Amino acid sequence: MTLRGVQFVSDAEGNRTGVLIDLKRHRRVWEDFYDIMVAESRAREPRVDWKTVRERLLKKHARRD
């Protein structure tokens, strides 16, 4: 199967090891893929609840006044 703007990189044994994507042709697909990869990489990061974030932001901006 041939996909326009997509080339697979293979090792010496013919196993696909990577992909080259024409960003002019497939920018939206790449952006979606990249967003998913970033989200997955952050999945194990500690969470901060909204109340704590809000309090920190209010304190930070109160100091500037």
PDB file of N, CA and C in Angstrom:
ATOM      1  N   MET A   1       0.847  -1.181   0.000  1.00  0.00           N
ATOM      2  CA  MET A   1       0.000   0.000   0.000  1.00  0.00           C
ATOM      3  C   MET A   1       0.890   1.240   0.000  1.00  0.00           C
ATOM      4  N   THR A   2       0.573   2.204  -0.832  1.00  0.00           N
ATOM      5  CA  THR A   2       1.336   3.440  -0.927  1.00  0.00           C
ATOM      6  C   THR A   2       0.489   4.597  -0.406  1.00  0.00           C
ATOM      7  N   LEU A   3       1.063   5.369   0.489  1.00  0.00           N
ATOM      8  CA  LEU A   3       0.399   6.553   1.015  1.00  0.00           C
ATOM      9  C   LEU A   3       1.182   7.773   0.558  1.00  0.00           C
ATOM     10  N   ARG A   4       0.517   8.707  -0.080  1.00  0.00           N
ATOM     11  CA  ARG A   4       1.210   9.918  -0.526  1.00  0.00           C
ATOM     12  C   ARG A   4       1.692  10.713   0.680  1.00  0.00           C
ATOM     13  N   GLY A   5       2.946  11.113   0.643  1.00  0.00           N
ATOM     14  CA  GLY A   5       3.504  11.920   1.714  1.00  0.00           C
ATOM     15  C   GLY A   5       3.938  11.138   2.937  1.00  0.00           C
ATOM     16  N   VAL A   6       3.969   9.808   2.830  1.00  0.00           N
ATOM     17  CA  VAL A   6       4.395   8.966   3.949  1.00  0.00           C
ATOM     18  C   VAL A   6       5.422   7.972   3.439  1.00  0.00           C
ATOM     19  N   GLN A   7       6.582   7.942   4.096  1.00  0.00           N
ATOM     20  CA  GLN A   7       7.627   6.978   3.749  1.00  0.00           C
ATOM     21  C   GLN A   7       8.036   6.244   5.015  1.00  0.00           C
ATOM     22  N   PHE A   8       8.135   4.940   4.906  1.00  0.00           N
ATOM     23  CA  PHE A   8       8.563   4.146   6.048  1.00  0.00           C
ATOM     24  C   PHE A   8      10.068   3.936   6.003  1.00  0.00           C
ATOM     25  N   VAL A   9      10.686   3.948   7.176  1.00  0.00           N
ATOM     26  CA  VAL A   9      12.112   3.664   7.320  1.00  0.00           C
ATOM     27  C   VAL A   9      12.215   2.229   7.815  1.00  0.00           C
ATOM     28  N   SER A  10      13.048   1.441   7.157  1.00  0.00           N
ATOM     29  CA  SER A  10      13.190   0.022   7.516  1.00  0.00           C
ATOM     30  C   SER A  10      14.624  -0.290   7.897  1.00  0.00           C
ATOM     31  N   ASP A  11      14.795  -1.292   8.762  1.00  0.00           N
ATOM     32  CA  ASP A  11      16.138  -1.746   9.111  1.00  0.00           C
ATOM     33  C   ASP A  11      16.631  -2.726   8.049  1.00  0.00           C
ATOM     34  N   ALA A  12      17.811  -3.276   8.262  1.00  0.00           N
ATOM     35  CA  ALA A  12      18.429  -4.178   7.282  1.00  0.00           C
ATOM     36  C   ALA A  12      17.594  -5.432   7.036  1.00  0.00           C
ATOM     37  N   GLU A  13      16.748  -5.784   7.995  1.00  0.00           N
ATOM     38  CA  GLU A  13      15.915  -6.982   7.860  1.00  0.00           C
ATOM     39  C   GLU A  13      14.541  -6.679   7.264  1.00  0.00           C
ATOM     40  N   GLY A  14      14.303  -5.414   6.938  1.00  0.00           N
ATOM     41  CA  GLY A  14      13.023  -5.035   6.347  1.00  0.00           C
ATOM     42  C   GLY A  14      11.937  -4.682   7.341  1.00  0.00           C
ATOM     43  N   ASN A  15      12.275  -4.645   8.626  1.00  0.00           N
ATOM     44  CA  ASN A  15      11.301  -4.274   9.657  1.00  0.00           C
ATOM     45  C   ASN A  15      11.140  -2.759   9.688  1.00  0.00           C
ATOM     46  N   ARG A  16       9.917  -2.297   9.714  1.00  0.00           N
ATOM     47  CA  ARG A  16       9.668  -0.856   9.785  1.00  0.00           C
ATOM     48  C   ARG A  16      10.104  -0.338  11.154  1.00  0.00           C
ATOM     49  N   THR A  17      10.945   0.678  11.131  1.00  0.00           N
ATOM     50  CA  THR A  17      11.469   1.238  12.376  1.00  0.00           C
ATOM     51  C   THR A  17      11.123   2.707  12.554  1.00  0.00           C
ATOM     52  N   GLY A  18      10.598   3.328  11.536  1.00  0.00           N
ATOM     53  CA  GLY A  18      10.265   4.742  11.610  1.00  0.00           C
ATOM     54  C   GLY A  18       9.416   5.156  10.435  1.00  0.00           C
ATOM     55  N   VAL A  19       9.057   6.425  10.444  1.00  0.00           N
ATOM     56  CA  VAL A  19       8.231   6.948   9.357  1.00  0.00           C
ATOM     57  C   VAL A  19       8.602   8.401   9.101  1.00  0.00           C
ATOM     58  N   LEU A  20       8.595   8.785   7.839  1.00  0.00           N
ATOM     59  CA  LEU A  20       8.789  10.174   7.432  1.00  0.00           C
ATOM     60  C   LEU A  20       7.451  10.674   6.910  1.00  0.00           C
ATOM     61  N   ILE A  21       7.014  11.813   7.407  1.00  0.00           N
ATOM     62  CA  ILE A  21       5.710  12.353   7.033  1.00  0.00           C
ATOM     63  C   ILE A  21       5.902  13.727   6.398  1.00  0.00           C
ATOM     64  N   ASP A  22       5.311  13.936   5.235  1.00  0.00           N
ATOM     65  CA  ASP A  22       5.324  15.236   4.572  1.00  0.00           C
ATOM     66  C   ASP A  22       4.394  16.152   5.364  1.00  0.00           C
ATOM     67  N   LEU A  23       4.980  17.101   6.093  1.00  0.00           N
ATOM     68  CA  LEU A  23       4.178  17.952   6.970  1.00  0.00           C
ATOM     69  C   LEU A  23       3.294  18.922   6.202  1.00  0.00           C
ATOM     70  N   LYS A  24       3.674  19.277   4.988  1.00  0.00           N
ATOM     71  CA  LYS A  24       2.801  20.138   4.182  1.00  0.00           C
ATOM     72  C   LYS A  24       1.501  19.412   3.859  1.00  0.00           C
ATOM     73  N   ARG A  25       1.598  18.136   3.631  1.00  0.00           N
ATOM     74  CA  ARG A  25       0.433  17.335   3.245  1.00  0.00           C
ATOM     75  C   ARG A  25      -0.343  16.832   4.468  1.00  0.00           C
ATOM     76  N   HIS A  26       0.358  16.517   5.552  1.00  0.00           N
ATOM     77  CA  HIS A  26      -0.277  15.839   6.698  1.00  0.00           C
ATOM     78  C   HIS A  26      -0.070  16.574   8.021  1.00  0.00           C
ATOM     79  N   ARG A  27      -0.038  17.894   7.997  1.00  0.00           N
ATOM     80  CA  ARG A  27       0.227  18.669   9.213  1.00  0.00           C
ATOM     81  C   ARG A  27      -0.782  18.363  10.318  1.00  0.00           C
ATOM     82  N   ARG A  28      -2.052  18.322  10.004  1.00  0.00           N
ATOM     83  CA  ARG A  28      -3.070  18.093  11.050  1.00  0.00           C
ATOM     84  C   ARG A  28      -2.917  16.721  11.688  1.00  0.00           C
ATOM     85  N   VAL A  29      -2.635  15.725  10.876  1.00  0.00           N
ATOM     86  CA  VAL A  29      -2.447  14.376  11.416  1.00  0.00           C
ATOM     87  C   VAL A  29      -1.238  14.368  12.342  1.00  0.00           C
ATOM     88  N   TRP A  30      -0.153  15.019  11.914  1.00  0.00           N
ATOM     89  CA  TRP A  30       1.051  15.087  12.738  1.00  0.00           C
ATOM     90  C   TRP A  30       0.757  15.801  14.054  1.00  0.00           C
ATOM     91  N   GLU A  31       0.045  16.924  14.002  1.00  0.00           N
ATOM     92  CA  GLU A  31      -0.259  17.666  15.222  1.00  0.00           C
ATOM     93  C   GLU A  31      -1.084  16.817  16.188  1.00  0.00           C
ATOM     94  N   ASP A  32      -2.055  16.085  15.667  1.00  0.00           N
ATOM     95  CA  ASP A  32      -2.851  15.192  16.522  1.00  0.00           C
ATOM     96  C   ASP A  32      -1.977  14.106  17.140  1.00  0.00           C
ATOM     97  N   PHE A  33      -1.134  13.495  16.330  1.00  0.00           N
ATOM     98  CA  PHE A  33      -0.232  12.448  16.810  1.00  0.00           C
ATOM     99  C   PHE A  33       0.691  13.009  17.892  1.00  0.00           C
ATOM    100  N   TYR A  34       1.276  14.169  17.632  1.00  0.00           N
ATOM    101  CA  TYR A  34       2.198  14.782  18.583  1.00  0.00           C
ATOM    102  C   TYR A  34       1.481  15.106  19.903  1.00  0.00           C
ATOM    103  N   ASP A  35       0.269  15.656  19.816  1.00  0.00           N
ATOM    104  CA  ASP A  35      -0.498  15.966  21.028  1.00  0.00           C
ATOM    105  C   ASP A  35      -0.745  14.719  21.870  1.00  0.00           C
ATOM    106  N   ILE A  36      -1.072  13.619  21.206  1.00  0.00           N
ATOM    107  CA  ILE A  36      -1.303  12.358  21.918  1.00  0.00           C
ATOM    108  C   ILE A  36      -0.021  11.890  22.595  1.00  0.00           C
ATOM    109  N   MET A  37       1.105  11.988  21.902  1.00  0.00           N
ATOM    110  CA  MET A  37       2.382  11.560  22.478  1.00  0.00           C
ATOM    111  C   MET A  37       2.753  12.413  23.693  1.00  0.00           C
ATOM    112  N   VAL A  38       2.523  13.714  23.614  1.00  0.00           N
ATOM    113  CA  VAL A  38       2.807  14.597  24.750  1.00  0.00           C
ATOM    114  C   VAL A  38       1.905  14.234  25.928  1.00  0.00           C
ATOM    115  N   ALA A  39       0.624  14.033  25.663  1.00  0.00           N
ATOM    116  CA  ALA A  39      -0.315  13.667  26.737  1.00  0.00           C
ATOM    117  C   ALA A  39       0.092  12.361  27.399  1.00  0.00           C
ATOM    118  N   GLU A  40       0.463  11.367  26.603  1.00  0.00           N
ATOM    119  CA  GLU A  40       0.885  10.085  27.172  1.00  0.00           C
ATOM    120  C   GLU A  40       2.161  10.232  27.993  1.00  0.00           C
ATOM    121  N   SER A  41       3.076  11.086  27.543  1.00  0.00           N
ATOM    122  CA  SER A  41       4.327  11.255  28.288  1.00  0.00           C
ATOM    123  C   SER A  41       4.087  11.933  29.635  1.00  0.00           C
ATOM    124  N   ARG A  42       3.002  12.688  29.738  1.00  0.00           N
ATOM    125  CA  ARG A  42       2.687  13.401  30.981  1.00  0.00           C
ATOM    126  C   ARG A  42       1.700  12.653  31.871  1.00  0.00           C
ATOM    127  N   ALA A  43       1.263  11.493  31.439  1.00  0.00           N
ATOM    128  CA  ALA A  43       0.221  10.755  32.160  1.00  0.00           C
ATOM    129  C   ALA A  43       0.622  10.400  33.584  1.00  0.00           C
ATOM    130  N   ARG A  44       1.886  10.181  33.828  1.00  0.00           N
ATOM    131  CA  ARG A  44       2.336   9.766  35.163  1.00  0.00           C
ATOM    132  C   ARG A  44       2.814  10.937  36.023  1.00  0.00           C
ATOM    133  N   GLU A  45       2.732  12.146  35.495  1.00  0.00           N
ATOM    134  CA  GLU A  45       3.140  13.311  36.273  1.00  0.00           C
ATOM    135  C   GLU A  45       2.133  13.552  37.394  1.00  0.00           C
ATOM    136  N   PRO A  46       2.602  14.107  38.501  1.00  0.00           N
ATOM    137  CA  PRO A  46       1.673  14.371  39.608  1.00  0.00           C
ATOM    138  C   PRO A  46       0.595  15.379  39.196  1.00  0.00           C
ATOM    139  N   ARG A  47      -0.576  15.200  39.727  1.00  0.00           N
ATOM    140  CA  ARG A  47      -1.707  16.078  39.431  1.00  0.00           C
ATOM    141  C   ARG A  47      -1.823  17.141  40.515  1.00  0.00           C
ATOM    142  N   VAL A  48      -2.316  18.303  40.122  1.00  0.00           N
ATOM    143  CA  VAL A  48      -2.609  19.370  41.071  1.00  0.00           C
ATOM    144  C   VAL A  48      -4.063  19.752  40.851  1.00  0.00           C
ATOM    145  N   ASP A  49      -4.847  19.764  41.927  1.00  0.00           N
ATOM    146  CA  ASP A  49      -6.269  20.068  41.768  1.00  0.00           C
ATOM    147  C   ASP A  49      -6.466  21.554  41.458  1.00  0.00           C
ATOM    148  N   TRP A  50      -7.616  21.850  40.858  1.00  0.00           N
ATOM    149  CA  TRP A  50      -7.893  23.205  40.393  1.00  0.00           C
ATOM    150  C   TRP A  50      -7.854  24.217  41.535  1.00  0.00           C
ATOM    151  N   LYS A  51      -8.344  23.870  42.689  1.00  0.00           N
ATOM    152  CA  LYS A  51      -8.360  24.800  43.819  1.00  0.00           C
ATOM    153  C   LYS A  51      -6.936  25.248  44.161  1.00  0.00           C
ATOM    154  N   THR A  52      -5.998  24.322  44.202  1.00  0.00           N
ATOM    155  CA  THR A  52      -4.602  24.639  44.513  1.00  0.00           C
ATOM    156  C   THR A  52      -3.992  25.518  43.427  1.00  0.00           C
ATOM    157  N   VAL A  53      -4.234  25.180  42.177  1.00  0.00           N
ATOM    158  CA  VAL A  53      -3.701  25.979  41.062  1.00  0.00           C
ATOM    159  C   VAL A  53      -4.243  27.398  41.133  1.00  0.00           C
ATOM    160  N   ARG A  54      -5.537  27.515  41.367  1.00  0.00           N
ATOM    161  CA  ARG A  54      -6.170  28.836  41.440  1.00  0.00           C
ATOM    162  C   ARG A  54      -5.562  29.666  42.566  1.00  0.00           C
ATOM    163  N   GLU A  55      -5.381  29.057  43.742  1.00  0.00           N
ATOM    164  CA  GLU A  55      -4.792  29.771  44.878  1.00  0.00           C
ATOM    165  C   GLU A  55      -3.378  30.245  44.551  1.00  0.00           C
ATOM    166  N   ARG A  56      -2.589  29.387  43.915  1.00  0.00           N
ATOM    167  CA  ARG A  56      -1.219  29.766  43.547  1.00  0.00           C
ATOM    168  C   ARG A  56      -1.215  30.934  42.563  1.00  0.00           C
ATOM    169  N   LEU A  57      -2.095  30.875  41.577  1.00  0.00           N
ATOM    170  CA  LEU A  57      -2.161  31.952  40.590  1.00  0.00           C
ATOM    171  C   LEU A  57      -2.593  33.267  41.225  1.00  0.00           C
ATOM    172  N   LEU A  58      -3.579  33.203  42.106  1.00  0.00           N
ATOM    173  CA  LEU A  58      -4.034  34.421  42.770  1.00  0.00           C
ATOM    174  C   LEU A  58      -2.936  35.025  43.635  1.00  0.00           C
ATOM    175  N   LYS A  59      -2.196  34.192  44.353  1.00  0.00           N
ATOM    176  CA  LYS A  59      -1.078  34.683  45.169  1.00  0.00           C
ATOM    177  C   LYS A  59      -0.006  35.311  44.286  1.00  0.00           C
ATOM    178  N   LYS A  60       0.331  34.640  43.207  1.00  0.00           N
ATOM    179  CA  LYS A  60       1.383  35.115  42.303  1.00  0.00           C
ATOM    180  C   LYS A  60       1.022  36.480  41.722  1.00  0.00           C
ATOM    181  N   HIS A  61      -0.213  36.634  41.283  1.00  0.00           N
ATOM    182  CA  HIS A  61      -0.622  37.893  40.669  1.00  0.00           C
ATOM    183  C   HIS A  61      -0.880  38.974  41.710  1.00  0.00           C
ATOM    184  N   ALA A  62      -1.210  38.608  42.920  1.00  0.00           N
ATOM    185  CA  ALA A  62      -1.416  39.588  43.988  1.00  0.00           C
ATOM    186  C   ALA A  62      -0.099  40.253  44.351  1.00  0.00           C
ATOM    187  N   ARG A  63       0.998  39.520  44.279  1.00  0.00           N
ATOM    188  CA  ARG A  63       2.322  40.062  44.609  1.00  0.00           C
ATOM    189  C   ARG A  63       2.763  41.125  43.613  1.00  0.00           C
ATOM    190  N   ARG A  64       2.294  41.044  42.394  1.00  0.00           N
ATOM    191  CA  ARG A  64       2.727  41.974  41.347  1.00  0.00           C
ATOM    192  C   ARG A  64       2.090  43.348  41.488  1.00  0.00           C
ATOM    193  N   ASP A  65       0.964  43.423  42.177  1.00  0.00           N
ATOM    194  CA  ASP A  65       0.250  44.711  42.281  1.00  0.00           C
ATOM    195  C   ASP A  65       0.921  45.659  43.223  1.00  0.00           C
TER     196      ASP A  65
END
